[in-house]
């Protein structure tokens, strides 16, 4: 480490530069189209988050910031600081359930390790506070404590994910189901209540698993796997809407189901505020009378009311959650 970087004033500048570089990959949110509302889904967490782009992204941030930091940092040091900040972004995003294209352009696979929620203040706030105090007070102790907290929390998420998946498989077996695939995702802002979705015999089964000292299941319901010929028979296979369904299928890892409320809407079954409900955060709206070249409309509903927060609180407390055997039959076979 360059000696100049250890000077307090230089260290604070480097810390700020690293934070800015760490946020820079999300500038891809500005890639959008007024006529194609799915375009941003394809580019968010794509090339700007890819591992091969990290040195390039770090160089761009360092070049933009260098005129403002040149009195404190050499360009080489600025680039190294940006490299660490920029490189951490994609890896942290891959810990969430949204999906990050770490291996672009060699693969468009959306990496999602599912060990922390996209929004989790229990992870973010202590980390920021400890790192901030460490920089301001020039205390390595607080900085190390922040890093230990972050790694410990992510590690706990891995363990909780495995517990939720194991409980989900036990529940499916008790129902007499053999899941074609099964996944567990952390609920909103916590590592206690997880959303478990599995596919069996043309349906998605959606439940919540509470991974406390003892794992319990909070039964949900099931929805059909999207069958375009059955659920949207009027869609022309050669139309842009048909192509957009496939684009949305890729984004949702093929967890598509028809919206039970809106007949011309297809939703992503993986996400909801209340983990054991079919209450999608987003989907696509199709129009039976749309021209062949018209795109679908991406729709998002992230608003929550008091009833939903009450239902979420009930899951946290364990209300309505049971052991695997009783919960399996509570939803029925």
C-alpha atoms as a PDB file:
ATOM      1  CA  UNK A   1       0.000   0.000   0.000  1.00  0.00           C
ATOM      2  CA  UNK A   2       1.441   3.423  -0.933  1.00  0.00           C
ATOM      3  CA  UNK A   3       2.540   5.389   2.121  1.00  0.00           C
ATOM      4  CA  UNK A   4       0.723   8.491   0.894  1.00  0.00           C
ATOM      5  CA  UNK A   5      -2.567   6.613   1.117  1.00  0.00           C
ATOM      6  CA  UNK A   6      -2.102   6.120   4.861  1.00  0.00           C
ATOM      7  CA  UNK A   7      -2.194   9.839   5.522  1.00  0.00           C
ATOM      8  CA  UNK A   8      -5.574  10.711   7.132  1.00  0.00           C
ATOM      9  CA  UNK A   9      -6.689  13.261   4.541  1.00  0.00           C
ATOM     10  CA  UNK A  10      -5.712  11.002   1.657  1.00  0.00           C
ATOM     11  CA  UNK A  11      -7.402   8.022   3.271  1.00  0.00           C
ATOM     12  CA  UNK A  12     -10.702   9.891   3.528  1.00  0.00           C
ATOM     13  CA  UNK A  13     -10.488  10.917  -0.130  1.00  0.00           C
ATOM     14  CA  UNK A  14      -9.755   7.315  -1.116  1.00  0.00           C
ATOM     15  CA  UNK A  15     -12.691   6.060   0.962  1.00  0.00           C
ATOM     16  CA  UNK A  16     -15.058   8.512  -0.708  1.00  0.00           C
ATOM     17  CA  UNK A  17     -13.715   7.601  -4.141  1.00  0.00           C
ATOM     18  CA  UNK A  18     -14.167   3.901  -3.396  1.00  0.00           C
ATOM     19  CA  UNK A  19     -17.785   4.513  -2.346  1.00  0.00           C
ATOM     20  CA  UNK A  20     -18.498   6.410  -5.557  1.00  0.00           C
ATOM     21  CA  UNK A  21     -16.933   3.638  -7.621  1.00  0.00           C
ATOM     22  CA  UNK A  22     -18.984   1.104  -5.691  1.00  0.00           C
ATOM     23  CA  UNK A  23     -22.203   2.838  -6.741  1.00  0.00           C
ATOM     24  CA  UNK A  24     -21.196   3.507 -10.351  1.00  0.00           C
ATOM     25  CA  UNK A  25     -22.338   0.167 -11.863  1.00  0.00           C
ATOM     26  CA  UNK A  26     -25.956   1.087 -11.139  1.00  0.00           C
ATOM     27  CA  UNK A  27     -25.759   3.937 -13.627  1.00  0.00           C
ATOM     28  CA  UNK A  28     -27.074   1.317 -16.039  1.00  0.00           C
ATOM     29  CA  UNK A  29     -30.568   2.183 -14.792  1.00  0.00           C
ATOM     30  CA  UNK A  30     -30.483   5.071 -17.244  1.00  0.00           C
ATOM     31  CA  UNK A  31     -30.471   2.625 -20.162  1.00  0.00           C
ATOM     32  CA  UNK A  32     -34.121   2.562 -21.167  1.00  0.00           C
ATOM     33  CA  UNK A  33     -36.507   3.037 -24.064  1.00  0.00           C
ATOM     34  CA  UNK A  34     -39.842   4.888 -24.222  1.00  0.00           C
ATOM     35  CA  UNK A  35     -41.249   2.196 -26.522  1.00  0.00           C
ATOM     36  CA  UNK A  36     -39.647  -0.930 -25.071  1.00  0.00           C
ATOM     37  CA  UNK A  37     -40.212  -1.096 -21.331  1.00  0.00           C
ATOM     38  CA  UNK A  38     -38.291  -4.381 -20.998  1.00  0.00           C
ATOM     39  CA  UNK A  39     -35.033  -2.922 -22.275  1.00  0.00           C
ATOM     40  CA  UNK A  40     -33.911  -1.824 -18.825  1.00  0.00           C
ATOM     41  CA  UNK A  41     -34.468  -5.362 -17.491  1.00  0.00           C
ATOM     42  CA  UNK A  42     -31.971  -6.672 -20.018  1.00  0.00           C
ATOM     43  CA  UNK A  43     -29.297  -4.075 -19.224  1.00  0.00           C
ATOM     44  CA  UNK A  44     -29.672  -3.589 -15.483  1.00  0.00           C
ATOM     45  CA  UNK A  45     -26.973  -5.672 -13.796  1.00  0.00           C
ATOM     46  CA  UNK A  46     -25.562  -6.644 -17.178  1.00  0.00           C
ATOM     47  CA  UNK A  47     -22.251  -5.400 -18.643  1.00  0.00           C
ATOM     48  CA  UNK A  48     -21.659  -2.759 -15.956  1.00  0.00           C
ATOM     49  CA  UNK A  49     -21.755  -5.522 -13.332  1.00  0.00           C
ATOM     50  CA  UNK A  50     -19.766  -8.139 -15.280  1.00  0.00           C
ATOM     51  CA  UNK A  51     -16.444  -9.286 -13.872  1.00  0.00           C
ATOM     52  CA  UNK A  52     -14.599  -8.588 -17.137  1.00  0.00           C
ATOM     53  CA  UNK A  53     -15.833  -4.982 -17.090  1.00  0.00           C
ATOM     54  CA  UNK A  54     -14.572  -4.222 -13.579  1.00  0.00           C
ATOM     55  CA  UNK A  55     -11.115  -2.907 -14.628  1.00  0.00           C
ATOM     56  CA  UNK A  56     -12.718  -0.796 -17.372  1.00  0.00           C
ATOM     57  CA  UNK A  57     -15.421   0.583 -15.104  1.00  0.00           C
ATOM     58  CA  UNK A  58     -12.832   1.370 -12.430  1.00  0.00           C
ATOM     59  CA  UNK A  59     -10.691   3.192 -14.999  1.00  0.00           C
ATOM     60  CA  UNK A  60     -13.664   5.279 -16.155  1.00  0.00           C
ATOM     61  CA  UNK A  61     -14.546   6.331 -12.602  1.00  0.00           C
ATOM     62  CA  UNK A  62     -10.899   7.066 -11.792  1.00  0.00           C
ATOM     63  CA  UNK A  63     -10.513   9.166 -14.958  1.00  0.00           C
ATOM     64  CA  UNK A  64     -13.644  11.197 -14.196  1.00  0.00           C
ATOM     65  CA  UNK A  65     -12.674  11.737 -10.559  1.00  0.00           C
ATOM     66  CA  UNK A  66      -8.939  12.264 -11.021  1.00  0.00           C
ATOM     67  CA  UNK A  67      -9.070  16.045 -11.618  1.00  0.00           C
ATOM     68  CA  UNK A  68     -10.708  16.344  -8.172  1.00  0.00           C
ATOM     69  CA  UNK A  69      -8.349  13.980  -6.297  1.00  0.00           C
ATOM     70  CA  UNK A  70      -5.021  14.480  -8.073  1.00  0.00           C
ATOM     71  CA  UNK A  71      -3.593  16.505  -5.168  1.00  0.00           C
ATOM     72  CA  UNK A  72      -4.145  13.539  -2.857  1.00  0.00           C
ATOM     73  CA  UNK A  73      -3.876  10.423  -5.014  1.00  0.00           C
ATOM     74  CA  UNK A  74      -1.902   9.378  -8.055  1.00  0.00           C
ATOM     75  CA  UNK A  75      -3.934   7.986 -10.940  1.00  0.00           C
ATOM     76  CA  UNK A  76      -2.619   4.483 -10.230  1.00  0.00           C
ATOM     77  CA  UNK A  77      -3.750   4.620  -6.606  1.00  0.00           C
ATOM     78  CA  UNK A  78      -7.098   6.125  -7.631  1.00  0.00           C
ATOM     79  CA  UNK A  79      -7.630   3.280 -10.098  1.00  0.00           C
ATOM     80  CA  UNK A  80      -6.785   0.644  -7.465  1.00  0.00           C
ATOM     81  CA  UNK A  81      -9.231   2.198  -5.018  1.00  0.00           C
ATOM     82  CA  UNK A  82     -11.917   2.291  -7.716  1.00  0.00           C
ATOM     83  CA  UNK A  83     -11.107  -1.295  -8.675  1.00  0.00           C
ATOM     84  CA  UNK A  84     -11.923  -2.505  -5.161  1.00  0.00           C
ATOM     85  CA  UNK A  85     -15.085  -0.415  -4.903  1.00  0.00           C
ATOM     86  CA  UNK A  86     -16.363  -1.155  -8.393  1.00  0.00           C
ATOM     87  CA  UNK A  87     -15.522  -4.858  -8.176  1.00  0.00           C
ATOM     88  CA  UNK A  88     -17.376  -5.345  -4.907  1.00  0.00           C
ATOM     89  CA  UNK A  89     -20.658  -4.100  -6.379  1.00  0.00           C
ATOM     90  CA  UNK A  90     -21.391  -6.990  -8.733  1.00  0.00           C
ATOM     91  CA  UNK A  91     -20.380  -9.613  -6.182  1.00  0.00           C
ATOM     92  CA  UNK A  92     -22.637  -8.112  -3.525  1.00  0.00           C
ATOM     93  CA  UNK A  93     -25.514  -7.864  -6.011  1.00  0.00           C
ATOM     94  CA  UNK A  94     -25.058 -11.550  -6.858  1.00  0.00           C
ATOM     95  CA  UNK A  95     -25.768 -12.332  -3.196  1.00  0.00           C
ATOM     96  CA  UNK A  96     -29.341 -11.115  -3.701  1.00  0.00           C
ATOM     97  CA  UNK A  97     -32.172 -12.867  -5.516  1.00  0.00           C
ATOM     98  CA  UNK A  98     -32.538 -10.373  -8.384  1.00  0.00           C
ATOM     99  CA  UNK A  99     -29.875 -11.873 -10.628  1.00  0.00           C
ATOM    100  CA  UNK A 100     -26.585 -10.412 -11.878  1.00  0.00           C
ATOM    101  CA  UNK A 101     -24.840 -11.220 -15.159  1.00  0.00           C
ATOM    102  CA  UNK A 102     -21.375 -11.657 -13.698  1.00  0.00           C
ATOM    103  CA  UNK A 103     -20.123 -13.685 -16.651  1.00  0.00           C
ATOM    104  CA  UNK A 104     -21.308 -11.426 -19.472  1.00  0.00           C
ATOM    105  CA  UNK A 105     -20.492 -11.527 -22.439  1.00  0.00           C
ATOM    106  CA  UNK A 106     -19.676 -15.228 -22.187  1.00  0.00           C
ATOM    107  CA  UNK A 107     -23.010 -16.056 -20.564  1.00  0.00           C
ATOM    108  CA  UNK A 108     -26.265 -14.218 -19.888  1.00  0.00           C
ATOM    109  CA  UNK A 109     -26.949 -16.392 -16.836  1.00  0.00           C
ATOM    110  CA  UNK A 110     -28.295 -14.306 -13.968  1.00  0.00           C
ATOM    111  CA  UNK A 111     -26.277 -15.266 -10.894  1.00  0.00           C
ATOM    112  CA  UNK A 112     -28.359 -15.134  -7.714  1.00  0.00           C
ATOM    113  CA  UNK A 113     -26.980 -16.730  -4.553  1.00  0.00           C
ATOM    114  CA  UNK A 114     -30.098 -15.777  -2.558  1.00  0.00           C
ATOM    115  CA  UNK A 115     -28.362 -15.165   0.766  1.00  0.00           C
ATOM    116  CA  UNK A 116     -29.474 -11.582   1.400  1.00  0.00           C
ATOM    117  CA  UNK A 117     -32.481  -9.481   0.409  1.00  0.00           C
ATOM    118  CA  UNK A 118     -32.135  -6.743  -2.185  1.00  0.00           C
ATOM    119  CA  UNK A 119     -33.076  -4.298   0.582  1.00  0.00           C
ATOM    120  CA  UNK A 120     -31.881  -5.283   4.046  1.00  0.00           C
ATOM    121  CA  UNK A 121     -31.047  -2.481   6.508  1.00  0.00           C
ATOM    122  CA  UNK A 122     -29.838  -5.034   9.062  1.00  0.00           C
ATOM    123  CA  UNK A 123     -26.969  -5.746   6.686  1.00  0.00           C
ATOM    124  CA  UNK A 124     -26.403  -2.293   5.199  1.00  0.00           C
ATOM    125  CA  UNK A 125     -26.748   0.120   8.111  1.00  0.00           C
ATOM    126  CA  UNK A 126     -24.314  -1.520  10.596  1.00  0.00           C
ATOM    127  CA  UNK A 127     -21.822  -1.987   7.765  1.00  0.00           C
ATOM    128  CA  UNK A 128     -21.994   1.674   6.712  1.00  0.00           C
ATOM    129  CA  UNK A 129     -21.883   2.963  10.293  1.00  0.00           C
ATOM    130  CA  UNK A 130     -18.860   0.881  11.258  1.00  0.00           C
ATOM    131  CA  UNK A 131     -16.939   1.669   8.072  1.00  0.00           C
ATOM    132  CA  UNK A 132     -17.849   5.353   8.366  1.00  0.00           C
ATOM    133  CA  UNK A 133     -16.631   5.560  11.952  1.00  0.00           C
ATOM    134  CA  UNK A 134     -13.469   3.735  10.953  1.00  0.00           C
ATOM    135  CA  UNK A 135     -12.683   6.280   8.240  1.00  0.00           C
ATOM    136  CA  UNK A 136     -13.593   9.367  10.294  1.00  0.00           C
ATOM    137  CA  UNK A 137     -11.708   8.232  13.386  1.00  0.00           C
ATOM    138  CA  UNK A 138      -8.958   6.602  11.335  1.00  0.00           C
ATOM    139  CA  UNK A 139      -9.593   3.445  13.354  1.00  0.00           C
ATOM    140  CA  UNK A 140      -8.736   0.124  11.789  1.00  0.00           C
ATOM    141  CA  UNK A 141     -10.729  -1.590  14.535  1.00  0.00           C
ATOM    142  CA  UNK A 142     -14.059  -0.193  13.340  1.00  0.00           C
ATOM    143  CA  UNK A 143     -13.203  -0.831   9.709  1.00  0.00           C
ATOM    144  CA  UNK A 144     -12.373  -4.456  10.423  1.00  0.00           C
ATOM    145  CA  UNK A 145     -15.538  -4.767  12.546  1.00  0.00           C
ATOM    146  CA  UNK A 146     -17.595  -3.527   9.596  1.00  0.00           C
ATOM    147  CA  UNK A 147     -16.054  -6.055   7.227  1.00  0.00           C
ATOM    148  CA  UNK A 148     -16.528  -8.850   9.769  1.00  0.00           C
ATOM    149  CA  UNK A 149     -20.181  -7.880  10.204  1.00  0.00           C
ATOM    150  CA  UNK A 150     -20.785  -7.878   6.447  1.00  0.00           C
ATOM    151  CA  UNK A 151     -19.126 -11.253   5.880  1.00  0.00           C
ATOM    152  CA  UNK A 152     -20.815 -12.800   8.925  1.00  0.00           C
ATOM    153  CA  UNK A 153     -24.244 -11.607   7.795  1.00  0.00           C
ATOM    154  CA  UNK A 154     -23.753 -12.952   4.279  1.00  0.00           C
ATOM    155  CA  UNK A 155     -22.505 -16.222   5.720  1.00  0.00           C
ATOM    156  CA  UNK A 156     -25.564 -16.457   7.968  1.00  0.00           C
ATOM    157  CA  UNK A 157     -27.687 -15.916   4.869  1.00  0.00           C
ATOM    158  CA  UNK A 158     -26.082 -18.931   3.177  1.00  0.00           C
ATOM    159  CA  UNK A 159     -26.918 -21.117   6.173  1.00  0.00           C
ATOM    160  CA  UNK A 160     -30.486 -19.798   6.400  1.00  0.00           C
ATOM    161  CA  UNK A 161     -30.997 -20.332   2.670  1.00  0.00           C
ATOM    162  CA  UNK A 162     -29.938 -23.957   2.976  1.00  0.00           C
ATOM    163  CA  UNK A 163     -32.269 -24.464   5.940  1.00  0.00           C
ATOM    164  CA  UNK A 164     -35.210 -22.918   4.057  1.00  0.00           C
ATOM    165  CA  UNK A 165     -34.589 -25.048   0.985  1.00  0.00           C
ATOM    166  CA  UNK A 166     -34.271 -28.219   3.062  1.00  0.00           C
ATOM    167  CA  UNK A 167     -37.548 -27.456   4.848  1.00  0.00           C
ATOM    168  CA  UNK A 168     -39.209 -26.736   1.511  1.00  0.00           C
ATOM    169  CA  UNK A 169     -38.131 -30.100   0.152  1.00  0.00           C
ATOM    170  CA  UNK A 170     -39.413 -31.879   3.262  1.00  0.00           C
ATOM    171  CA  UNK A 171     -42.749 -30.119   2.876  1.00  0.00           C
ATOM    172  CA  UNK A 172     -42.983 -31.048  -0.806  1.00  0.00           C
ATOM    173  CA  UNK A 173     -42.247 -34.680   0.061  1.00  0.00           C
ATOM    174  CA  UNK A 174     -44.976 -34.662   2.718  1.00  0.00           C
ATOM    175  CA  UNK A 175     -47.406 -33.461   0.044  1.00  0.00           C
ATOM    176  CA  UNK A 176     -46.345 -36.286  -2.219  1.00  0.00           C
ATOM    177  CA  UNK A 177     -44.675 -33.875  -4.630  1.00  0.00           C
ATOM    178  CA  UNK A 178     -41.404 -34.289  -6.487  1.00  0.00           C
ATOM    179  CA  UNK A 179     -40.267 -30.751  -7.320  1.00  0.00           C
ATOM    180  CA  UNK A 180     -38.813 -30.238 -10.763  1.00  0.00           C
ATOM    181  CA  UNK A 181     -36.997 -27.293  -9.193  1.00  0.00           C
ATOM    182  CA  UNK A 182     -37.137 -25.505  -5.857  1.00  0.00           C
ATOM    183  CA  UNK A 183     -35.665 -22.259  -4.610  1.00  0.00           C
ATOM    184  CA  UNK A 184     -35.706 -20.161  -1.447  1.00  0.00           C
ATOM    185  CA  UNK A 185     -35.369 -16.384  -1.376  1.00  0.00           C
ATOM    186  CA  UNK A 186     -35.031 -14.127   1.670  1.00  0.00           C
ATOM    187  CA  UNK A 187     -38.088 -12.105   2.557  1.00  0.00           C
ATOM    188  CA  UNK A 188     -38.077  -8.332   2.656  1.00  0.00           C
ATOM    189  CA  UNK A 189     -35.280  -6.949   4.878  1.00  0.00           C
ATOM    190  CA  UNK A 190     -34.659 -10.097   6.930  1.00  0.00           C
ATOM    191  CA  UNK A 191     -33.064 -13.537   7.091  1.00  0.00           C
ATOM    192  CA  UNK A 192     -35.818 -15.088   9.225  1.00  0.00           C
ATOM    193  CA  UNK A 193     -38.780 -15.529   6.849  1.00  0.00           C
ATOM    194  CA  UNK A 194     -38.082 -16.984   3.400  1.00  0.00           C
ATOM    195  CA  UNK A 195     -40.183 -17.405   0.290  1.00  0.00           C
ATOM    196  CA  UNK A 196     -40.009 -20.969  -1.074  1.00  0.00           C
ATOM    197  CA  UNK A 197     -41.237 -21.668  -4.593  1.00  0.00           C
ATOM    198  CA  UNK A 198     -41.199 -25.057  -6.255  1.00  0.00           C
ATOM    199  CA  UNK A 199     -42.645 -26.487  -9.453  1.00  0.00           C
ATOM    200  CA  UNK A 200     -44.592 -29.708  -9.549  1.00  0.00           C
ATOM    201  CA  UNK A 201     -46.940 -31.109 -12.181  1.00  0.00           C
ATOM    202  CA  UNK A 202     -47.573 -27.849 -14.003  1.00  0.00           C
ATOM    203  CA  UNK A 203     -48.011 -25.652 -10.917  1.00  0.00           C
ATOM    204  CA  UNK A 204     -45.894 -23.427  -8.712  1.00  0.00           C
ATOM    205  CA  UNK A 205     -46.332 -23.958  -4.977  1.00  0.00           C
ATOM    206  CA  UNK A 206     -45.561 -20.881  -2.924  1.00  0.00           C
ATOM    207  CA  UNK A 207     -45.030 -20.962   0.822  1.00  0.00           C
ATOM    208  CA  UNK A 208     -43.108 -19.149   3.519  1.00  0.00           C
ATOM    209  CA  UNK A 209     -40.535 -20.844   5.724  1.00  0.00           C
ATOM    210  CA  UNK A 210     -39.603 -19.325   9.060  1.00  0.00           C
ATOM    211  CA  UNK A 211     -36.040 -20.345   9.907  1.00  0.00           C
ATOM    212  CA  UNK A 212     -35.878 -19.642  13.632  1.00  0.00           C
ATOM    213  CA  UNK A 213     -34.376 -22.062  16.144  1.00  0.00           C
ATOM    214  CA  UNK A 214     -36.764 -24.534  14.558  1.00  0.00           C
ATOM    215  CA  UNK A 215     -37.827 -24.245  10.919  1.00  0.00           C
ATOM    216  CA  UNK A 216     -41.576 -23.979  10.428  1.00  0.00           C
ATOM    217  CA  UNK A 217     -43.770 -23.572   7.362  1.00  0.00           C
ATOM    218  CA  UNK A 218     -46.374 -20.871   6.783  1.00  0.00           C
ATOM    219  CA  UNK A 219     -48.541 -22.427   4.037  1.00  0.00           C
ATOM    220  CA  UNK A 220     -49.422 -20.428   0.953  1.00  0.00           C
ATOM    221  CA  UNK A 221     -51.089 -21.448  -2.265  1.00  0.00           C
ATOM    222  CA  UNK A 222     -50.337 -22.548  -5.803  1.00  0.00           C
ATOM    223  CA  UNK A 223     -50.671 -21.123  -9.305  1.00  0.00           C
ATOM    224  CA  UNK A 224     -50.382 -22.677 -12.762  1.00  0.00           C
ATOM    225  CA  UNK A 225     -47.223 -22.543 -14.810  1.00  0.00           C
ATOM    226  CA  UNK A 226     -47.807 -20.222 -17.759  1.00  0.00           C
ATOM    227  CA  UNK A 227     -49.028 -22.050 -20.858  1.00  0.00           C
ATOM    228  CA  UNK A 228     -49.386 -19.507 -23.641  1.00  0.00           C
ATOM    229  CA  UNK A 229     -51.640 -21.743 -25.739  1.00  0.00           C
ATOM    230  CA  UNK A 230     -53.997 -22.207 -22.790  1.00  0.00           C
ATOM    231  CA  UNK A 231     -53.822 -18.896 -20.949  1.00  0.00           C
ATOM    232  CA  UNK A 232     -53.120 -16.480 -23.825  1.00  0.00           C
ATOM    233  CA  UNK A 233     -54.387 -18.292 -26.942  1.00  0.00           C
ATOM    234  CA  UNK A 234     -54.789 -15.031 -28.847  1.00  0.00           C
ATOM    235  CA  UNK A 235     -51.065 -14.187 -28.779  1.00  0.00           C
ATOM    236  CA  UNK A 236     -49.546 -14.419 -32.254  1.00  0.00           C
ATOM    237  CA  UNK A 237     -46.314 -16.476 -32.000  1.00  0.00           C
ATOM    238  CA  UNK A 238     -44.708 -14.161 -34.562  1.00  0.00           C
ATOM    239  CA  UNK A 239     -45.651 -10.959 -32.745  1.00  0.00           C
ATOM    240  CA  UNK A 240     -43.434  -8.698 -30.659  1.00  0.00           C
ATOM    241  CA  UNK A 241     -45.572  -9.518 -27.625  1.00  0.00           C
ATOM    242  CA  UNK A 242     -44.695 -13.206 -27.987  1.00  0.00           C
ATOM    243  CA  UNK A 243     -41.011 -12.295 -28.155  1.00  0.00           C
ATOM    244  CA  UNK A 244     -41.381 -10.080 -25.099  1.00  0.00           C
ATOM    245  CA  UNK A 245     -42.917 -12.942 -23.118  1.00  0.00           C
ATOM    246  CA  UNK A 246     -39.750 -14.922 -23.795  1.00  0.00           C
ATOM    247  CA  UNK A 247     -37.592 -11.973 -22.753  1.00  0.00           C
ATOM    248  CA  UNK A 248     -39.551 -11.735 -19.511  1.00  0.00           C
ATOM    249  CA  UNK A 249     -39.268 -15.511 -19.112  1.00  0.00           C
ATOM    250  CA  UNK A 250     -35.472 -15.175 -19.189  1.00  0.00           C
ATOM    251  CA  UNK A 251     -35.554 -12.359 -16.631  1.00  0.00           C
ATOM    252  CA  UNK A 252     -37.802 -14.338 -14.268  1.00  0.00           C
ATOM    253  CA  UNK A 253     -35.808 -17.585 -14.643  1.00  0.00           C
ATOM    254  CA  UNK A 254     -38.949 -19.091 -16.194  1.00  0.00           C
ATOM    255  CA  UNK A 255     -41.159 -18.610 -13.138  1.00  0.00           C
ATOM    256  CA  UNK A 256     -44.051 -17.179 -15.128  1.00  0.00           C
ATOM    257  CA  UNK A 257     -47.708 -17.526 -14.244  1.00  0.00           C
ATOM    258  CA  UNK A 258     -50.867 -15.767 -15.439  1.00  0.00           C
ATOM    259  CA  UNK A 259     -51.999 -13.015 -13.087  1.00  0.00           C
ATOM    260  CA  UNK A 260     -55.049 -14.303 -11.166  1.00  0.00           C
ATOM    261  CA  UNK A 261     -56.493 -10.777 -11.030  1.00  0.00           C
ATOM    262  CA  UNK A 262     -55.612  -9.235 -14.401  1.00  0.00           C
ATOM    263  CA  UNK A 263     -56.482 -11.573 -17.297  1.00  0.00           C
ATOM    264  CA  UNK A 264     -53.998 -10.088 -19.798  1.00  0.00           C
ATOM    265  CA  UNK A 265     -51.062  -9.897 -17.426  1.00  0.00           C
ATOM    266  CA  UNK A 266     -48.168 -12.323 -16.877  1.00  0.00           C
ATOM    267  CA  UNK A 267     -46.345 -12.125 -13.545  1.00  0.00           C
ATOM    268  CA  UNK A 268     -43.101 -13.249 -11.969  1.00  0.00           C
ATOM    269  CA  UNK A 269     -44.088 -15.773  -9.299  1.00  0.00           C
ATOM    270  CA  UNK A 270     -40.819 -15.412  -7.382  1.00  0.00           C
ATOM    271  CA  UNK A 271     -41.500 -12.092  -5.679  1.00  0.00           C
ATOM    272  CA  UNK A 272     -44.060 -10.674  -3.274  1.00  0.00           C
ATOM    273  CA  UNK A 273     -43.878  -8.571  -0.127  1.00  0.00           C
ATOM    274  CA  UNK A 274     -45.675 -11.252   1.910  1.00  0.00           C
ATOM    275  CA  UNK A 275     -43.671 -14.416   1.112  1.00  0.00           C
ATOM    276  CA  UNK A 276     -46.545 -16.915   1.124  1.00  0.00           C
ATOM    277  CA  UNK A 277     -48.840 -14.877  -1.121  1.00  0.00           C
ATOM    278  CA  UNK A 278     -49.377 -14.548  -4.862  1.00  0.00           C
ATOM    279  CA  UNK A 279     -49.043 -10.790  -4.865  1.00  0.00           C
ATOM    280  CA  UNK A 280     -46.479  -9.960  -7.557  1.00  0.00           C
ATOM    281  CA  UNK A 281     -44.108  -7.040  -7.444  1.00  0.00           C
ATOM    282  CA  UNK A 282     -43.956  -6.890 -11.230  1.00  0.00           C
ATOM    283  CA  UNK A 283     -45.233  -8.380 -14.464  1.00  0.00           C
ATOM    284  CA  UNK A 284     -46.017  -7.553 -18.079  1.00  0.00           C
ATOM    285  CA  UNK A 285     -49.306  -6.344 -19.531  1.00  0.00           C
ATOM    286  CA  UNK A 286     -50.359  -7.622 -22.953  1.00  0.00           C
ATOM    287  CA  UNK A 287     -53.023  -6.238 -25.273  1.00  0.00           C
ATOM    288  CA  UNK A 288     -55.129  -8.563 -27.449  1.00  0.00           C
ATOM    289  CA  UNK A 289     -55.660  -5.862 -30.068  1.00  0.00           C
ATOM    290  CA  UNK A 290     -52.066  -4.580 -30.162  1.00  0.00           C
ATOM    291  CA  UNK A 291     -50.261  -4.252 -33.506  1.00  0.00           C
ATOM    292  CA  UNK A 292     -47.813  -7.032 -34.285  1.00  0.00           C
ATOM    293  CA  UNK A 293     -44.809  -4.782 -33.651  1.00  0.00           C
ATOM    294  CA  UNK A 294     -45.918  -3.324 -30.316  1.00  0.00           C
ATOM    295  CA  UNK A 295     -44.068  -4.203 -27.125  1.00  0.00           C
ATOM    296  CA  UNK A 296     -45.687  -5.352 -23.905  1.00  0.00           C
ATOM    297  CA  UNK A 297     -45.911  -2.966 -20.958  1.00  0.00           C
ATOM    298  CA  UNK A 298     -43.824  -3.656 -17.877  1.00  0.00           C
ATOM    299  CA  UNK A 299     -45.873  -3.028 -14.735  1.00  0.00           C
ATOM    300  CA  UNK A 300     -44.596  -2.833 -11.166  1.00  0.00           C
ATOM    301  CA  UNK A 301     -46.510  -2.627  -7.913  1.00  0.00           C
ATOM    302  CA  UNK A 302     -44.205  -2.112  -4.952  1.00  0.00           C
ATOM    303  CA  UNK A 303     -46.753  -0.272  -2.832  1.00  0.00           C
ATOM    304  CA  UNK A 304     -47.721  -1.903   0.447  1.00  0.00           C
ATOM    305  CA  UNK A 305     -50.628  -1.259   2.769  1.00  0.00           C
ATOM    306  CA  UNK A 306     -51.117  -1.760   6.490  1.00  0.00           C
ATOM    307  CA  UNK A 307     -52.727  -5.175   5.995  1.00  0.00           C
ATOM    308  CA  UNK A 308     -49.687  -6.499   4.144  1.00  0.00           C
ATOM    309  CA  UNK A 309     -47.293  -5.250   6.809  1.00  0.00           C
ATOM    310  CA  UNK A 310     -49.521  -6.850   9.449  1.00  0.00           C
ATOM    311  CA  UNK A 311     -49.402 -10.144   7.541  1.00  0.00           C
ATOM    312  CA  UNK A 312     -45.639  -9.860   7.282  1.00  0.00           C
ATOM    313  CA  UNK A 313     -45.400  -9.177  11.005  1.00  0.00           C
ATOM    314  CA  UNK A 314     -47.491 -12.272  11.703  1.00  0.00           C
ATOM    315  CA  UNK A 315     -44.989 -14.361   9.754  1.00  0.00           C
ATOM    316  CA  UNK A 316     -42.125 -12.872  11.765  1.00  0.00           C
ATOM    317  CA  UNK A 317     -43.855 -13.842  14.990  1.00  0.00           C
ATOM    318  CA  UNK A 318     -44.660 -17.324  13.680  1.00  0.00           C
ATOM    319  CA  UNK A 319     -48.429 -16.897  13.646  1.00  0.00           C
ATOM    320  CA  UNK A 320     -49.979 -19.453  11.300  1.00  0.00           C
ATOM    321  CA  UNK A 321     -46.692 -21.345  10.919  1.00  0.00           C
ATOM    322  CA  UNK A 322     -46.444 -25.038  11.776  1.00  0.00           C
ATOM    323  CA  UNK A 323     -44.153 -28.000  11.663  1.00  0.00           C
ATOM    324  CA  UNK A 324     -43.467 -29.496   8.261  1.00  0.00           C
ATOM    325  CA  UNK A 325     -45.957 -32.358   8.513  1.00  0.00           C
ATOM    326  CA  UNK A 326     -48.978 -30.345   9.658  1.00  0.00           C
ATOM    327  CA  UNK A 327     -48.161 -27.441   7.324  1.00  0.00           C
ATOM    328  CA  UNK A 328     -47.919 -29.758   4.341  1.00  0.00           C
ATOM    329  CA  UNK A 329     -51.464 -30.948   4.798  1.00  0.00           C
ATOM    330  CA  UNK A 330     -52.742 -27.475   5.684  1.00  0.00           C
ATOM    331  CA  UNK A 331     -52.351 -26.573   2.024  1.00  0.00           C
ATOM    332  CA  UNK A 332     -53.395 -29.957   0.768  1.00  0.00           C
ATOM    333  CA  UNK A 333     -51.831 -32.450  -1.543  1.00  0.00           C
END
